[in-house]
C-alpha atoms as a PDB file:
ATOM      1  CA  UNK A   1     -56.153  31.989 -53.230  1.00  0.00           C
ATOM      2  CA  UNK A   2     -59.434  31.263 -52.583  1.00  0.00           C
ATOM      3  CA  UNK A   3     -61.914  29.519 -55.139  1.00  0.00           C
ATOM      4  CA  UNK A   4     -64.222  32.698 -55.649  1.00  0.00           C
ATOM      5  CA  UNK A   5     -60.764  34.975 -56.024  1.00  0.00           C
ATOM      6  CA  UNK A   6     -59.220  32.342 -58.306  1.00  0.00           C
ATOM      7  CA  UNK A   7     -62.560  32.211 -60.705  1.00  0.00           C
ATOM      8  CA  UNK A   8     -62.178  35.967 -60.550  1.00  0.00           C
ATOM      9  CA  UNK A   9     -58.559  36.770 -61.582  1.00  0.00           C
ATOM     10  CA  UNK A  10     -58.873  33.537 -63.852  1.00  0.00           C
ATOM     11  CA  UNK A  11     -61.455  36.271 -65.463  1.00  0.00           C
ATOM     12  CA  UNK A  12     -59.486  39.382 -65.198  1.00  0.00           C
ATOM     13  CA  UNK A  13     -56.822  37.139 -67.016  1.00  0.00           C
ATOM     14  CA  UNK A  14     -58.848  35.758 -70.244  1.00  0.00           C
ATOM     15  CA  UNK A  15     -60.835  39.229 -70.009  1.00  0.00           C
ATOM     16  CA  UNK A  16     -57.100  41.063 -71.335  1.00  0.00           C
ATOM     17  CA  UNK A  17     -56.442  38.382 -73.470  1.00  0.00           C
ATOM     18  CA  UNK A  18     -59.704  39.172 -75.723  1.00  0.00           C
ATOM     19  CA  UNK A  19     -58.642  42.575 -76.117  1.00  0.00           C
ATOM     20  CA  UNK A  20     -54.739  42.133 -76.099  1.00  0.00           C
ATOM     21  CA  UNK A  21     -53.631  38.586 -77.190  1.00  0.00           C
ATOM     22  CA  UNK A  22     -51.069  37.458 -74.415  1.00  0.00           C
ATOM     23  CA  UNK A  23     -48.812  34.572 -74.116  1.00  0.00           C
ATOM     24  CA  UNK A  24     -49.695  31.385 -72.099  1.00  0.00           C
ATOM     25  CA  UNK A  25     -47.344  32.159 -69.224  1.00  0.00           C
ATOM     26  CA  UNK A  26     -48.469  35.825 -69.146  1.00  0.00           C
ATOM     27  CA  UNK A  27     -51.880  35.038 -69.003  1.00  0.00           C
ATOM     28  CA  UNK A  28     -51.277  32.534 -66.278  1.00  0.00           C
ATOM     29  CA  UNK A  29     -49.398  34.888 -64.261  1.00  0.00           C
ATOM     30  CA  UNK A  30     -52.267  37.748 -64.217  1.00  0.00           C
ATOM     31  CA  UNK A  31     -54.812  34.522 -63.923  1.00  0.00           C
ATOM     32  CA  UNK A  32     -52.105  33.975 -60.030  1.00  0.00           C
ATOM     33  CA  UNK A  33     -52.088  37.517 -58.333  1.00  0.00           C
ATOM     34  CA  UNK A  34     -54.481  38.459 -56.310  1.00  0.00           C
ATOM     35  CA  UNK A  35     -55.617  41.476 -56.948  1.00  0.00           C
ATOM     36  CA  UNK A  36     -57.543  42.657 -54.411  1.00  0.00           C
ATOM     37  CA  UNK A  37     -54.646  42.623 -52.452  1.00  0.00           C
ATOM     38  CA  UNK A  38     -53.047  45.636 -54.568  1.00  0.00           C
ATOM     39  CA  UNK A  39     -56.128  47.786 -54.202  1.00  0.00           C
ATOM     40  CA  UNK A  40     -57.121  50.560 -52.195  1.00  0.00           C
ATOM     41  CA  UNK A  41     -60.235  48.645 -49.591  1.00  0.00           C
ATOM     42  CA  UNK A  42     -62.670  51.490 -50.728  1.00  0.00           C
ATOM     43  CA  UNK A  43     -61.847  49.631 -54.461  1.00  0.00           C
ATOM     44  CA  UNK A  44     -62.046  46.375 -53.684  1.00  0.00           C
ATOM     45  CA  UNK A  45     -65.485  45.820 -55.557  1.00  0.00           C
ATOM     46  CA  UNK A  46     -63.403  47.433 -58.528  1.00  0.00           C
ATOM     47  CA  UNK A  47     -60.398  45.204 -58.134  1.00  0.00           C
ATOM     48  CA  UNK A  48     -61.468  42.951 -61.766  1.00  0.00           C
ATOM     49  CA  UNK A  49     -62.277  45.785 -63.594  1.00  0.00           C
ATOM     50  CA  UNK A  50     -60.083  46.997 -66.707  1.00  0.00           C
ATOM     51  CA  UNK A  51     -59.324  50.367 -64.935  1.00  0.00           C
ATOM     52  CA  UNK A  52     -56.735  52.363 -63.164  1.00  0.00           C
ATOM     53  CA  UNK A  53     -57.131  53.311 -59.411  1.00  0.00           C
ATOM     54  CA  UNK A  54     -56.219  55.474 -57.009  1.00  0.00           C
ATOM     55  CA  UNK A  55     -54.263  54.798 -54.464  1.00  0.00           C
ATOM     56  CA  UNK A  56     -52.127  56.450 -51.528  1.00  0.00           C
ATOM     57  CA  UNK A  57     -49.719  59.508 -52.165  1.00  0.00           C
ATOM     58  CA  UNK A  58     -51.825  61.044 -55.081  1.00  0.00           C
ATOM     59  CA  UNK A  59     -50.622  57.928 -56.961  1.00  0.00           C
ATOM     60  CA  UNK A  60     -52.433  55.485 -58.996  1.00  0.00           C
ATOM     61  CA  UNK A  61     -52.238  51.443 -59.726  1.00  0.00           C
ATOM     62  CA  UNK A  62     -52.342  50.973 -63.259  1.00  0.00           C
ATOM     63  CA  UNK A  63     -55.172  48.997 -64.887  1.00  0.00           C
ATOM     64  CA  UNK A  64     -54.560  45.203 -65.509  1.00  0.00           C
ATOM     65  CA  UNK A  65     -54.699  45.354 -69.010  1.00  0.00           C
ATOM     66  CA  UNK A  66     -51.590  47.846 -68.895  1.00  0.00           C
ATOM     67  CA  UNK A  67     -49.799  45.760 -66.543  1.00  0.00           C
ATOM     68  CA  UNK A  68     -50.955  41.844 -68.857  1.00  0.00           C
ATOM     69  CA  UNK A  69     -49.355  44.200 -71.933  1.00  0.00           C
ATOM     70  CA  UNK A  70     -46.105  45.986 -70.272  1.00  0.00           C
ATOM     71  CA  UNK A  71     -45.071  42.227 -69.153  1.00  0.00           C
ATOM     72  CA  UNK A  72     -45.993  40.744 -72.533  1.00  0.00           C
ATOM     73  CA  UNK A  73     -43.481  43.336 -73.811  1.00  0.00           C
ATOM     74  CA  UNK A  74     -40.702  42.255 -71.744  1.00  0.00           C
ATOM     75  CA  UNK A  75     -40.562  39.176 -73.390  1.00  0.00           C
ATOM     76  CA  UNK A  76     -40.216  37.263 -70.207  1.00  0.00           C
ATOM     77  CA  UNK A  77     -38.223  34.493 -69.694  1.00  0.00           C
ATOM     78  CA  UNK A  78     -38.651  32.309 -66.414  1.00  0.00           C
ATOM     79  CA  UNK A  79     -34.498  32.124 -65.386  1.00  0.00           C
ATOM     80  CA  UNK A  80     -34.232  35.993 -65.689  1.00  0.00           C
ATOM     81  CA  UNK A  81     -33.990  38.746 -63.493  1.00  0.00           C
ATOM     82  CA  UNK A  82     -35.604  42.259 -64.000  1.00  0.00           C
ATOM     83  CA  UNK A  83     -35.543  45.399 -63.032  1.00  0.00           C
ATOM     84  CA  UNK A  84     -38.799  47.634 -61.580  1.00  0.00           C
ATOM     85  CA  UNK A  85     -38.552  51.195 -61.592  1.00  0.00           C
ATOM     86  CA  UNK A  86     -42.008  52.191 -59.290  1.00  0.00           C
ATOM     87  CA  UNK A  87     -43.124  49.824 -57.279  1.00  0.00           C
ATOM     88  CA  UNK A  88     -46.144  51.597 -56.100  1.00  0.00           C
ATOM     89  CA  UNK A  89     -48.513  49.141 -54.830  1.00  0.00           C
ATOM     90  CA  UNK A  90     -46.693  45.917 -55.620  1.00  0.00           C
ATOM     91  CA  UNK A  91     -49.122  44.404 -58.290  1.00  0.00           C
ATOM     92  CA  UNK A  92     -46.979  44.682 -61.184  1.00  0.00           C
ATOM     93  CA  UNK A  93     -44.254  43.056 -59.464  1.00  0.00           C
ATOM     94  CA  UNK A  94     -46.532  40.092 -57.969  1.00  0.00           C
ATOM     95  CA  UNK A  95     -47.340  39.265 -61.607  1.00  0.00           C
ATOM     96  CA  UNK A  96     -43.224  39.423 -62.984  1.00  0.00           C
ATOM     97  CA  UNK A  97     -42.447  37.290 -59.792  1.00  0.00           C
ATOM     98  CA  UNK A  98     -44.365  34.204 -61.667  1.00  0.00           C
ATOM     99  CA  UNK A  99     -42.136  34.850 -64.371  1.00  0.00           C
ATOM    100  CA  UNK A 100     -38.822  35.449 -63.141  1.00  0.00           C
ATOM    101  CA  UNK A 101     -36.110  33.872 -61.047  1.00  0.00           C
ATOM    102  CA  UNK A 102     -35.660  37.309 -59.764  1.00  0.00           C
ATOM    103  CA  UNK A 103     -37.770  40.595 -59.190  1.00  0.00           C
ATOM    104  CA  UNK A 104     -36.288  44.000 -58.093  1.00  0.00           C
ATOM    105  CA  UNK A 105     -37.970  46.798 -57.322  1.00  0.00           C
ATOM    106  CA  UNK A 106     -37.708  50.506 -56.527  1.00  0.00           C
ATOM    107  CA  UNK A 107     -40.417  53.103 -54.914  1.00  0.00           C
ATOM    108  CA  UNK A 108     -39.052  56.755 -54.175  1.00  0.00           C
ATOM    109  CA  UNK A 109     -42.521  56.664 -51.901  1.00  0.00           C
ATOM    110  CA  UNK A 110     -41.670  55.256 -48.510  1.00  0.00           C
ATOM    111  CA  UNK A 111     -45.090  54.794 -47.482  1.00  0.00           C
ATOM    112  CA  UNK A 112     -45.715  52.798 -50.590  1.00  0.00           C
ATOM    113  CA  UNK A 113     -43.085  50.451 -50.474  1.00  0.00           C
ATOM    114  CA  UNK A 114     -43.405  49.886 -46.914  1.00  0.00           C
ATOM    115  CA  UNK A 115     -47.383  48.555 -47.882  1.00  0.00           C
ATOM    116  CA  UNK A 116     -45.992  47.131 -50.881  1.00  0.00           C
ATOM    117  CA  UNK A 117     -43.653  44.622 -48.820  1.00  0.00           C
ATOM    118  CA  UNK A 118     -46.462  43.843 -46.191  1.00  0.00           C
ATOM    119  CA  UNK A 119     -48.434  42.828 -49.607  1.00  0.00           C
ATOM    120  CA  UNK A 120     -45.693  40.266 -50.958  1.00  0.00           C
ATOM    121  CA  UNK A 121     -45.044  38.949 -47.473  1.00  0.00           C
ATOM    122  CA  UNK A 122     -48.788  38.146 -46.841  1.00  0.00           C
ATOM    123  CA  UNK A 123     -48.876  36.338 -50.507  1.00  0.00           C
ATOM    124  CA  UNK A 124     -45.988  34.687 -49.377  1.00  0.00           C
ATOM    125  CA  UNK A 125     -43.590  35.694 -52.383  1.00  0.00           C
ATOM    126  CA  UNK A 126     -40.525  35.391 -51.937  1.00  0.00           C
ATOM    127  CA  UNK A 127     -38.574  36.268 -54.670  1.00  0.00           C
ATOM    128  CA  UNK A 128     -39.104  40.311 -54.540  1.00  0.00           C
ATOM    129  CA  UNK A 129     -36.245  42.513 -53.445  1.00  0.00           C
ATOM    130  CA  UNK A 130     -37.599  45.991 -52.253  1.00  0.00           C
ATOM    131  CA  UNK A 131     -35.461  48.990 -51.952  1.00  0.00           C
ATOM    132  CA  UNK A 132     -36.570  52.700 -51.716  1.00  0.00           C
ATOM    133  CA  UNK A 133     -34.675  54.951 -53.778  1.00  0.00           C
ATOM    134  CA  UNK A 134     -34.697  57.139 -56.446  1.00  0.00           C
ATOM    135  CA  UNK A 135     -35.351  54.588 -59.369  1.00  0.00           C
ATOM    136  CA  UNK A 136     -33.568  56.542 -61.760  1.00  0.00           C
ATOM    137  CA  UNK A 137     -30.495  55.690 -59.864  1.00  0.00           C
ATOM    138  CA  UNK A 138     -31.205  51.551 -60.967  1.00  0.00           C
ATOM    139  CA  UNK A 139     -29.574  49.423 -57.919  1.00  0.00           C
ATOM    140  CA  UNK A 140     -25.950  48.524 -59.283  1.00  0.00           C
ATOM    141  CA  UNK A 141     -25.664  45.956 -56.596  1.00  0.00           C
ATOM    142  CA  UNK A 142     -27.213  43.275 -58.601  1.00  0.00           C
ATOM    143  CA  UNK A 143     -26.661  44.180 -62.059  1.00  0.00           C
ATOM    144  CA  UNK A 144     -26.658  43.592 -64.621  1.00  0.00           C
ATOM    145  CA  UNK A 145     -30.582  42.232 -65.371  1.00  0.00           C
ATOM    146  CA  UNK A 146     -32.121  40.637 -67.989  1.00  0.00           C
ATOM    147  CA  UNK A 147     -34.838  42.790 -68.629  1.00  0.00           C
ATOM    148  CA  UNK A 148     -35.463  46.652 -66.934  1.00  0.00           C
ATOM    149  CA  UNK A 149     -39.191  48.000 -66.297  1.00  0.00           C
ATOM    150  CA  UNK A 150     -40.351  51.671 -66.110  1.00  0.00           C
ATOM    151  CA  UNK A 151     -43.582  51.839 -64.036  1.00  0.00           C
ATOM    152  CA  UNK A 152     -44.204  55.570 -64.553  1.00  0.00           C
ATOM    153  CA  UNK A 153     -43.320  57.929 -67.595  1.00  0.00           C
ATOM    154  CA  UNK A 154     -39.663  58.806 -67.940  1.00  0.00           C
ATOM    155  CA  UNK A 155     -38.752  61.792 -71.029  1.00  0.00           C
ATOM    156  CA  UNK A 156     -35.381  60.075 -70.896  1.00  0.00           C
ATOM    157  CA  UNK A 157     -33.466  57.130 -69.762  1.00  0.00           C
ATOM    158  CA  UNK A 158     -30.800  58.084 -68.051  1.00  0.00           C
ATOM    159  CA  UNK A 159     -27.319  56.274 -68.957  1.00  0.00           C
ATOM    160  CA  UNK A 160     -26.630  54.179 -66.000  1.00  0.00           C
ATOM    161  CA  UNK A 161     -30.211  52.272 -66.613  1.00  0.00           C
ATOM    162  CA  UNK A 162     -28.692  50.672 -69.707  1.00  0.00           C
ATOM    163  CA  UNK A 163     -25.954  50.405 -68.921  1.00  0.00           C
ATOM    164  CA  UNK A 164     -27.189  48.373 -65.539  1.00  0.00           C
ATOM    165  CA  UNK A 165     -29.158  46.355 -68.771  1.00  0.00           C
ATOM    166  CA  UNK A 166     -27.109  42.677 -70.175  1.00  0.00           C
ATOM    167  CA  UNK A 167     -25.879  42.470 -73.696  1.00  0.00           C
ATOM    168  CA  UNK A 168     -29.367  41.567 -75.459  1.00  0.00           C
ATOM    169  CA  UNK A 169     -31.808  42.366 -72.745  1.00  0.00           C
ATOM    170  CA  UNK A 170     -34.979  44.539 -73.365  1.00  0.00           C
ATOM    171  CA  UNK A 171     -35.852  47.621 -71.538  1.00  0.00           C
ATOM    172  CA  UNK A 172     -39.464  48.791 -71.499  1.00  0.00           C
ATOM    173  CA  UNK A 173     -40.856  51.925 -70.519  1.00  0.00           C
ATOM    174  CA  UNK A 174     -43.631  54.693 -70.582  1.00  0.00           C
ATOM    175  CA  UNK A 175     -41.960  57.958 -72.899  1.00  0.00           C
ATOM    176  CA  UNK A 176     -42.768  61.147 -73.013  1.00  0.00           C
ATOM    177  CA  UNK A 177     -42.790  62.316 -76.861  1.00  0.00           C
ATOM    178  CA  UNK A 178     -43.885  65.781 -76.941  1.00  0.00           C
ATOM    179  CA  UNK A 179     -47.676  65.725 -75.332  1.00  0.00           C
ATOM    180  CA  UNK A 180     -47.871  62.447 -75.626  1.00  0.00           C
ATOM    181  CA  UNK A 181     -46.837  59.013 -73.878  1.00  0.00           C
ATOM    182  CA  UNK A 182     -45.437  56.162 -75.736  1.00  0.00           C
ATOM    183  CA  UNK A 183     -44.446  52.867 -74.353  1.00  0.00           C
ATOM    184  CA  UNK A 184     -41.090  51.978 -75.772  1.00  0.00           C
ATOM    185  CA  UNK A 185     -39.262  48.836 -76.085  1.00  0.00           C
ATOM    186  CA  UNK A 186     -35.095  49.050 -75.950  1.00  0.00           C
ATOM    187  CA  UNK A 187     -33.012  45.610 -77.147  1.00  0.00           C
ATOM    188  CA  UNK A 188     -29.387  46.510 -76.021  1.00  0.00           C
ATOM    189  CA  UNK A 189     -26.955  44.934 -78.718  1.00  0.00           C
ATOM    190  CA  UNK A 190     -23.250  45.336 -77.550  1.00  0.00           C
ATOM    191  CA  UNK A 191     -23.236  49.792 -77.474  1.00  0.00           C
ATOM    192  CA  UNK A 192     -26.295  50.071 -79.287  1.00  0.00           C
ATOM    193  CA  UNK A 193     -29.994  50.124 -79.028  1.00  0.00           C
ATOM    194  CA  UNK A 194     -32.892  49.126 -80.955  1.00  0.00           C
ATOM    195  CA  UNK A 195     -35.930  51.673 -80.650  1.00  0.00           C
ATOM    196  CA  UNK A 196     -39.324  50.110 -81.268  1.00  0.00           C
ATOM    197  CA  UNK A 197     -42.421  52.381 -80.220  1.00  0.00           C
ATOM    198  CA  UNK A 198     -45.482  50.217 -79.378  1.00  0.00           C
ATOM    199  CA  UNK A 199     -48.474  52.417 -78.274  1.00  0.00           C
ATOM    200  CA  UNK A 200     -49.928  55.524 -76.161  1.00  0.00           C
ATOM    201  CA  UNK A 201     -50.298  55.476 -73.087  1.00  0.00           C
ATOM    202  CA  UNK A 202     -51.026  57.109 -69.386  1.00  0.00           C
ATOM    203  CA  UNK A 203     -48.821  56.840 -66.418  1.00  0.00           C
ATOM    204  CA  UNK A 204     -47.483  59.037 -63.622  1.00  0.00           C
ATOM    205  CA  UNK A 205     -44.277  60.829 -64.204  1.00  0.00           C
ATOM    206  CA  UNK A 206     -41.304  59.902 -62.603  1.00  0.00           C
ATOM    207  CA  UNK A 207     -40.302  62.467 -60.243  1.00  0.00           C
ATOM    208  CA  UNK A 208     -36.580  62.632 -58.705  1.00  0.00           C
ATOM    209  CA  UNK A 209     -35.469  61.732 -54.884  1.00  0.00           C
ATOM    210  CA  UNK A 210     -37.063  59.817 -52.385  1.00  0.00           C
ATOM    211  CA  UNK A 211     -40.303  60.850 -50.042  1.00  0.00           C
ATOM    212  CA  UNK A 212     -40.324  59.809 -46.413  1.00  0.00           C
END
């Protein structure tokens, strides 16, 4: 990352931190991720604003503040592995790659996952594993995961995803509750789940199947 970009990402991390207190490691992960790489060409000038931006396939790249919050809610630990449902542009996964040993990210829209893979390669990120699939299936091959993150709104969490979460693990997802969307944290303790509603949010909904 060149000096100008590093200054911009550091300022972005600081701006997020002023609105929502971030731990030092999450702040550093935001500051270490080149956001310009993940926004569509026509929006480069908006890359460092705290706004969600449109991208291909009728999808949105979340605002950096939302990404910072979701990351913080996961309570990341360096040696852990995280599963992300909804790769999108890949920005959230890139931020997570600084905080987790392994990032496993699933996307149902083929064009998006191919673009994200190219970005990860260009940035030399080697600990992100990608898969084209309906994220609601999870990724059983590498389970269990210490953390699971939904980057799209769910009406409910499939049981198979809770099954792929390690005991003591945390799952964070935007949940549809009536007309509202609420970021919700689930903590798995044996066969029981502790559920904590955190704050209102606005994400695209999870859709079924794969789009080629």
